[in-house]
Amino acid sequence: MLDFIYQAFAARIVFGSGKVSEIAAEVDRLGGKSALVISTGSQRAVADAAIERLGGNFAVRIDGAVMHVPRADVNDAVALARRQGCDSVVAIGGGSAIGLAKGIALDTGLPVIAVPSTYAGSEMTDIWGISEGDGKVTGRAPVVVPKCVIYDPDLTRDLPARLAGPSGINAIAHSVEALYAQNRNPVLSMIAEEGIRALASGLPAVCAGSAGDEERGRAVYGAFMCGLALATATMGIHHKLCHVVGGTFGLPHAETHTIVLPHATHYNRDAAPEAMAAVARALGADSAAGGLFDLALRIGAPTALRDLGLEEENLDRAADIATAAPYYNPQPVDRDGVRRLLDDAFHGRRPGSDA
């Protein structure tokens, strides 16, 4: 007999080609009269067009949001928003822009409209993360959940393969961990598997530069599904390691997730057989971990931490930090096992075929 709780967040989703033109209408719908517009460098032109449509409802902009959301950047943005009397935030771009908007919302309570241009998925969640000191501090707060998310596959049209591939597998990581999460349930598992399937089917064409509207839409839809999974699922060893390795050693977020995911999945293979079967099924692969590794190879994504500039001498430190306060994980987290996982990820070894 089924017995579970599924918690969803209220968010307005606007999905479709050309929907980026709806930014001003969505700000108006929220009653915004003084919007702060944040964009990553690659989305400056989109931000320019949005600002023109906003007209008198535009207050100020921040260009060039950076990864890992440094605490100093959040503080500066909050001060700017207060100084300009902003009443809403529009974030256009990937996880960096949306992460900064969430940092502002956390301190000010301002409503956020997210317009993602990658597959990161943060726009669907109450999870925030800010880098400070010797790592990245993360938490959950309903106030950071965007009030509206505009998914426009056209924004991914010029996304380079070197960014699209890791961004997509980063999204897949959310669904993989949702499938063996402590609070997993049938609804969450259905969403997670669908997200993996959609992204895995759309990403290869996107990364090969041969994607049409159908493939681009499928990949963005998959990212939406994976974001939904991330919104309510607890995370495990994979996300813990990525927060440690990425935040402590300054490695790029999506690429770190891409490399670690097959190995974290392999680590959990015996403790979560149903999850492994679902991942393999969604990928059309014989094994979950092997299928994830092969997908990364197929789309030209990185597969070794050493290629991101991590020094091998830092693996011991990473293992120590990651196991000092571990997240829930189906396979018990032990220091030696995590150290071996990191060694495999560092060298880019393919996980065993028994995953």
Protein backbone atom coordinates (compact mmCIF):
# COMPACT_ATOMS: atom_id res chain seq x y z
CA MET A 1 0.00 0.00 0.00
CA LEU A 2 1.36 3.41 -0.98
CA ASP A 3 2.15 5.83 1.84
CA PHE A 4 4.07 9.03 1.06
CA ILE A 5 4.21 12.83 1.15
CA TYR A 6 4.90 14.88 -1.97
CA GLN A 7 5.53 18.59 -1.42
CA ALA A 8 5.48 20.97 -4.38
CA PHE A 9 6.25 24.69 -4.59
CA ALA A 10 3.88 27.13 -6.22
CA ALA A 11 5.52 28.62 -9.31
CA ARG A 12 4.18 29.97 -12.57
CA ILE A 13 5.83 28.24 -15.54
CA VAL A 14 5.84 29.91 -18.96
CA PHE A 15 7.27 27.47 -21.53
CA GLY A 16 7.81 27.86 -25.26
CA SER A 17 9.77 29.37 -28.10
CA GLY A 18 9.84 33.17 -27.99
CA LYS A 19 8.46 33.36 -24.45
CA VAL A 20 11.40 35.49 -23.33
CA SER A 21 9.38 38.40 -24.70
CA GLU A 22 6.98 37.89 -21.79
CA ILE A 23 9.44 39.15 -19.14
CA ALA A 24 7.91 42.63 -18.90
CA ALA A 25 4.38 41.20 -18.72
CA GLU A 26 5.39 38.87 -15.89
CA VAL A 27 7.03 41.71 -13.94
CA ASP A 28 3.84 43.71 -14.38
CA ARG A 29 1.79 40.71 -13.27
CA LEU A 30 3.72 40.72 -9.99
CA GLY A 31 3.10 44.44 -9.59
CA GLY A 32 6.76 45.26 -10.17
CA LYS A 33 7.56 48.91 -10.81
CA SER A 34 11.30 48.94 -10.17
CA ALA A 35 13.02 45.78 -11.42
CA LEU A 36 16.64 44.79 -10.91
CA VAL A 37 17.83 42.84 -13.97
CA ILE A 38 20.69 40.37 -13.54
CA SER A 39 22.36 38.61 -16.45
CA THR A 40 25.39 36.53 -17.21
CA GLY A 41 27.73 37.94 -19.83
CA SER A 42 26.43 35.70 -22.61
CA GLN A 43 22.87 36.92 -22.08
CA ARG A 44 23.55 40.64 -22.14
CA ALA A 45 21.64 41.13 -25.40
CA VAL A 46 18.60 39.34 -23.97
CA ALA A 47 18.82 41.56 -20.90
CA ASP A 48 19.04 44.64 -23.15
CA ALA A 49 15.81 43.64 -24.91
CA ALA A 50 14.07 42.91 -21.61
CA ILE A 51 15.09 46.28 -20.20
CA GLU A 52 13.74 48.02 -23.28
CA ARG A 53 10.38 46.25 -22.85
CA LEU A 54 10.31 47.01 -19.13
CA GLY A 55 10.53 50.72 -19.84
CA GLY A 56 9.77 52.72 -16.71
CA ASN A 57 9.54 49.55 -14.64
CA PHE A 58 13.31 49.04 -14.95
CA ALA A 59 15.54 50.31 -12.14
CA VAL A 60 19.09 48.97 -12.44
CA ARG A 61 21.09 46.06 -13.85
CA ILE A 62 23.93 43.76 -12.84
CA ASP A 63 25.97 42.17 -15.64
CA GLY A 64 28.39 39.28 -15.45
CA ALA A 65 27.16 37.21 -12.49
CA VAL A 66 29.85 34.68 -11.57
CA MET A 67 29.75 31.04 -10.49
CA HIS A 68 29.46 29.86 -6.88
CA VAL A 69 27.76 33.16 -5.85
CA PRO A 70 30.46 34.85 -3.73
CA ARG A 71 29.19 36.40 -0.50
CA ALA A 72 30.72 39.77 -1.43
CA ASP A 73 28.69 39.83 -4.66
CA VAL A 74 25.48 39.11 -2.77
CA ASN A 75 26.20 41.87 -0.27
CA ASP A 76 26.92 44.36 -3.08
CA ALA A 77 23.76 43.36 -4.96
CA VAL A 78 21.56 43.65 -1.86
CA ALA A 79 22.97 47.11 -1.15
CA LEU A 80 22.34 48.15 -4.77
CA ALA A 81 18.75 46.85 -4.72
CA ARG A 82 17.99 48.73 -1.52
CA ARG A 83 19.66 51.90 -2.73
CA GLN A 84 17.65 51.84 -5.98
CA GLY A 85 14.38 50.89 -4.29
CA CYS A 86 13.97 47.70 -6.30
CA ASP A 87 10.77 45.72 -5.82
CA SER A 88 11.54 42.69 -8.03
CA VAL A 89 14.45 40.80 -9.55
CA VAL A 90 14.74 39.37 -13.07
CA ALA A 91 17.54 36.81 -13.48
CA ILE A 92 18.53 35.92 -17.05
CA GLY A 93 21.17 33.25 -17.59
CA GLY A 94 22.45 30.12 -15.92
CA GLY A 95 22.93 29.13 -12.31
CA SER A 96 25.21 32.08 -11.60
CA ALA A 97 22.57 34.72 -12.37
CA ILE A 98 19.76 32.80 -10.72
CA GLY A 99 21.94 32.02 -7.70
CA LEU A 100 22.72 35.71 -7.21
CA ALA A 101 19.01 36.55 -7.50
CA LYS A 102 18.27 33.97 -4.82
CA GLY A 103 20.92 35.50 -2.58
CA ILE A 104 19.18 38.86 -2.94
CA ALA A 105 15.79 37.31 -2.24
CA LEU A 106 17.15 35.57 0.85
CA ASP A 107 18.20 38.91 2.37
CA THR A 108 15.40 41.13 1.05
CA GLY A 109 12.38 38.94 0.28
CA LEU A 110 12.12 40.43 -3.23
CA PRO A 111 10.22 38.26 -5.75
CA VAL A 112 12.31 36.67 -8.50
CA ILE A 113 11.47 35.99 -12.14
CA ALA A 114 13.94 33.44 -13.52
CA VAL A 115 14.76 33.10 -17.21
CA PRO A 116 17.23 30.20 -17.44
CA SER A 117 19.51 29.91 -20.45
CA THR A 118 21.14 26.64 -19.38
CA TYR A 119 19.86 23.41 -17.88
CA ALA A 120 20.97 23.99 -14.28
CA GLY A 121 17.52 23.64 -12.68
CA SER A 122 18.08 25.95 -9.73
CA GLU A 123 15.15 28.07 -10.87
CA MET A 124 12.68 25.42 -9.67
CA THR A 125 13.97 25.09 -6.13
CA ASP A 126 14.16 26.67 -2.70
CA ILE A 127 17.87 25.81 -2.51
CA TRP A 128 20.38 28.63 -2.24
CA GLY A 129 24.16 28.51 -2.13
CA ILE A 130 26.70 31.20 -1.31
CA SER A 131 30.48 30.81 -1.31
CA GLU A 132 32.30 32.16 1.70
CA GLY A 133 35.34 31.20 3.68
CA ASP A 134 36.60 27.71 2.89
CA GLY A 135 33.64 26.44 0.93
CA LYS A 136 30.03 26.93 -0.05
CA VAL A 137 27.17 27.41 2.39
CA THR A 138 23.84 26.04 1.20
CA GLY A 139 20.34 26.02 2.60
CA ARG A 140 16.64 25.95 1.79
CA ALA A 141 14.22 28.86 2.12
CA PRO A 142 10.81 29.25 0.42
CA VAL A 143 11.46 32.96 -0.12
CA VAL A 144 14.10 32.24 -2.79
CA VAL A 145 11.77 30.18 -5.02
CA PRO A 146 11.12 32.23 -8.19
CA LYS A 147 7.54 33.39 -8.54
CA CYS A 148 7.72 32.81 -12.29
CA VAL A 149 10.05 30.79 -14.51
CA ILE A 150 10.19 31.49 -18.23
CA TYR A 151 11.60 28.56 -20.23
CA ASP A 152 12.45 29.62 -23.76
CA PRO A 153 14.38 26.97 -25.72
CA ASP A 154 15.55 29.72 -28.08
CA LEU A 155 17.91 30.96 -25.35
CA THR A 156 19.85 27.70 -25.65
CA ARG A 157 20.24 28.05 -29.43
CA ASP A 158 23.75 29.52 -29.15
CA LEU A 159 24.79 27.61 -26.03
CA PRO A 160 28.22 26.13 -26.84
CA ALA A 161 28.58 22.37 -26.52
CA ARG A 162 31.28 22.84 -23.88
CA LEU A 163 28.63 24.52 -21.68
CA ALA A 164 25.51 22.67 -22.82
CA GLY A 165 26.85 19.20 -22.11
CA PRO A 166 27.98 19.73 -18.51
CA SER A 167 24.91 21.86 -17.78
CA GLY A 168 22.65 19.05 -18.96
CA ILE A 169 24.42 16.35 -16.95
CA ASN A 170 24.38 18.65 -13.92
CA ALA A 171 20.59 18.67 -14.29
CA ILE A 172 20.51 14.89 -14.68
CA ALA A 173 22.43 14.63 -11.40
CA HIS A 174 19.47 16.16 -9.59
CA SER A 175 17.18 13.44 -10.86
CA VAL A 176 19.65 10.64 -10.21
CA GLU A 177 19.89 11.57 -6.55
CA ALA A 178 16.12 12.14 -6.35
CA LEU A 179 15.63 8.50 -7.32
CA TYR A 180 17.44 7.30 -4.19
CA ALA A 181 16.62 10.27 -1.94
CA GLN A 182 15.59 9.77 1.66
CA ASN A 183 12.20 11.32 0.86
CA ARG A 184 11.67 9.60 -2.51
CA ASN A 185 8.12 8.76 -3.53
CA PRO A 186 6.34 7.55 -6.69
CA VAL A 187 5.57 11.06 -7.97
CA LEU A 188 9.12 12.27 -7.47
CA SER A 189 10.55 9.13 -9.09
CA MET A 190 8.29 9.55 -12.14
CA ILE A 191 9.39 13.17 -12.60
CA ALA A 192 13.06 12.29 -12.10
CA GLU A 193 13.12 9.45 -14.62
CA GLU A 194 11.28 11.56 -17.21
CA GLY A 195 13.80 14.36 -16.76
CA ILE A 196 16.76 12.04 -17.35
CA ARG A 197 15.10 10.51 -20.41
CA ALA A 198 14.27 13.87 -22.01
CA LEU A 199 17.69 15.38 -21.44
CA ALA A 200 19.57 12.29 -22.55
CA SER A 201 17.57 12.23 -25.79
CA GLY A 202 17.99 15.93 -26.55
CA LEU A 203 21.54 16.66 -25.43
CA PRO A 204 23.51 14.73 -28.08
CA ALA A 205 21.99 16.73 -30.95
CA VAL A 206 22.37 19.98 -28.99
CA CYS A 207 26.05 19.30 -28.36
CA ALA A 208 26.64 18.15 -31.94
CA GLY A 209 25.22 21.43 -33.24
CA SER A 210 22.51 19.62 -35.19
CA ALA A 211 19.56 20.23 -32.86
CA GLY A 212 16.29 21.48 -34.26
CA ASP A 213 13.45 23.02 -32.30
CA GLU A 214 12.28 19.57 -31.17
CA GLU A 215 15.63 18.55 -29.64
CA ARG A 216 16.19 21.93 -28.02
CA GLY A 217 12.71 21.88 -26.54
CA ARG A 218 13.16 18.32 -25.28
CA ALA A 219 16.41 19.22 -23.51
CA VAL A 220 14.87 22.28 -21.84
CA TYR A 221 11.80 20.25 -20.86
CA GLY A 222 14.13 17.66 -19.32
CA ALA A 223 15.88 20.39 -17.37
CA PHE A 224 12.50 21.57 -16.08
CA MET A 225 11.65 18.03 -14.93
CA CYS A 226 15.05 17.61 -13.27
CA GLY A 227 14.58 20.96 -11.56
CA LEU A 228 11.24 19.78 -10.23
CA ALA A 229 12.97 16.71 -8.83
CA LEU A 230 15.65 18.83 -7.20
CA ALA A 231 12.99 21.08 -5.68
CA THR A 232 11.68 18.46 -3.28
CA ALA A 233 14.33 15.73 -3.05
CA THR A 234 17.05 15.48 -0.47
CA MET A 235 20.53 15.16 -1.95
CA GLY A 236 23.23 12.57 -1.21
CA ILE A 237 26.92 11.86 -1.66
CA HIS A 238 27.09 13.27 -5.18
CA HIS A 239 25.99 16.78 -4.24
CA LYS A 240 28.03 16.73 -1.06
CA LEU A 241 31.19 15.95 -3.02
CA CYS A 242 30.45 18.56 -5.67
CA HIS A 243 29.86 21.25 -3.06
CA VAL A 244 33.13 20.32 -1.38
CA VAL A 245 35.26 19.95 -4.48
CA GLY A 246 33.75 22.85 -6.38
CA GLY A 247 33.41 25.29 -3.50
CA THR A 248 36.70 24.52 -1.75
CA PHE A 249 38.95 24.29 -4.79
CA GLY A 250 37.16 26.71 -7.11
CA LEU A 251 36.30 24.23 -9.85
CA PRO A 252 33.55 24.98 -12.40
CA HIS A 253 30.17 23.88 -11.08
CA ALA A 254 28.58 21.97 -13.97
CA GLU A 255 31.79 20.29 -15.08
CA THR A 256 32.44 19.05 -11.54
CA HIS A 257 28.94 17.55 -11.40
CA THR A 258 29.45 15.92 -14.79
CA ILE A 259 32.65 14.20 -13.73
CA VAL A 260 31.60 13.09 -10.25
CA LEU A 261 28.11 11.80 -11.14
CA PRO A 262 28.99 8.42 -12.69
CA HIS A 263 31.28 7.61 -9.75
CA ALA A 264 28.80 8.69 -7.07
CA THR A 265 26.17 6.59 -8.86
CA HIS A 266 28.54 3.60 -8.90
CA TYR A 267 29.17 4.11 -5.18
CA ASN A 268 25.44 3.66 -4.51
CA ARG A 269 24.83 0.84 -6.97
CA ASP A 270 24.21 -1.96 -4.46
CA ALA A 271 22.24 0.11 -1.95
CA ALA A 272 19.72 1.55 -4.45
CA PRO A 273 18.94 -1.08 -7.13
CA GLU A 274 15.55 0.39 -8.10
CA ALA A 275 17.12 3.79 -8.67
CA MET A 276 19.91 2.25 -10.73
CA ALA A 277 17.36 0.44 -12.89
CA ALA A 278 15.40 3.65 -13.47
CA VAL A 279 18.53 5.60 -14.48
CA ALA A 280 19.67 2.87 -16.85
CA ARG A 281 16.17 2.62 -18.34
CA ALA A 282 16.00 6.38 -18.94
CA LEU A 283 19.42 6.36 -20.58
CA GLY A 284 18.76 3.24 -22.64
CA ALA A 285 21.94 1.78 -21.11
CA ASP A 286 22.95 -1.50 -19.53
CA SER A 287 24.04 0.19 -16.31
CA ALA A 288 23.38 3.50 -14.59
CA ALA A 289 26.94 4.58 -13.85
CA GLY A 290 28.35 3.31 -17.11
CA GLY A 291 25.54 4.93 -19.06
CA LEU A 292 26.17 8.30 -17.42
CA PHE A 293 29.88 8.08 -18.15
CA ASP A 294 29.22 7.10 -21.77
CA LEU A 295 26.76 9.98 -22.19
CA ALA A 296 29.45 12.41 -21.03
CA LEU A 297 31.88 10.94 -23.56
CA ARG A 298 29.30 11.05 -26.33
CA ILE A 299 28.63 14.76 -25.90
CA GLY A 300 32.28 15.68 -25.41
CA ALA A 301 31.98 16.63 -21.74
CA PRO A 302 34.94 16.33 -19.36
CA THR A 303 35.39 13.05 -17.47
CA ALA A 304 38.40 13.67 -15.21
CA LEU A 305 38.81 16.11 -12.33
CA ARG A 306 42.49 16.53 -13.15
CA ASP A 307 41.43 18.17 -16.41
CA LEU A 308 39.70 20.91 -14.40
CA GLY A 309 42.94 21.79 -12.64
CA LEU A 310 42.41 19.92 -9.38
CA GLU A 311 45.67 18.76 -7.82
CA GLU A 312 45.86 15.10 -6.81
CA GLU A 313 47.29 16.11 -3.44
CA ASN A 314 43.93 17.73 -2.61
CA LEU A 315 41.94 14.49 -2.84
CA ASP A 316 42.67 13.54 0.77
CA ARG A 317 41.48 16.90 2.01
CA ALA A 318 38.33 16.67 -0.12
CA ALA A 319 37.55 13.22 1.28
CA ASP A 320 38.06 14.46 4.84
CA ILE A 321 35.74 17.44 4.39
CA ALA A 322 33.05 15.48 2.55
CA THR A 323 32.85 12.76 5.19
CA ALA A 324 33.03 15.03 8.23
CA ALA A 325 29.32 15.92 7.97
CA PRO A 326 27.79 13.74 5.22
CA TYR A 327 24.31 14.07 3.77
CA TYR A 328 21.94 11.10 3.93
CA ASN A 329 23.03 8.50 1.39
CA PRO A 330 21.69 5.00 0.70
CA GLN A 331 25.19 3.55 0.85
CA PRO A 332 26.84 4.45 4.17
CA VAL A 333 29.46 7.15 3.66
CA ASP A 334 32.93 6.06 4.70
CA ARG A 335 36.15 7.92 4.18
CA ASP A 336 38.03 5.15 2.34
CA GLY A 337 35.19 4.56 -0.09
CA VAL A 338 34.83 8.25 -0.82
CA ARG A 339 38.58 8.56 -1.32
CA ARG A 340 38.48 5.77 -3.91
CA LEU A 341 35.50 7.44 -5.59
CA LEU A 342 37.44 10.69 -5.84
CA ASP A 343 40.50 8.90 -7.20
CA ASP A 344 38.43 7.33 -9.98
CA ALA A 345 36.85 10.70 -10.77
CA PHE A 346 40.24 12.41 -10.73
CA HIS A 347 41.71 10.00 -13.28
CA GLY A 348 38.55 9.69 -15.37
CA ARG A 349 38.17 5.92 -15.11
CA ARG A 350 34.98 4.38 -16.44
CA PRO A 351 32.88 2.92 -13.59
CA GLY A 352 32.51 -0.85 -13.53
CA SER A 353 29.93 -2.44 -15.77
CA ASP A 354 28.16 -3.93 -12.74
CA ALA A 355 26.83 -0.49 -11.74
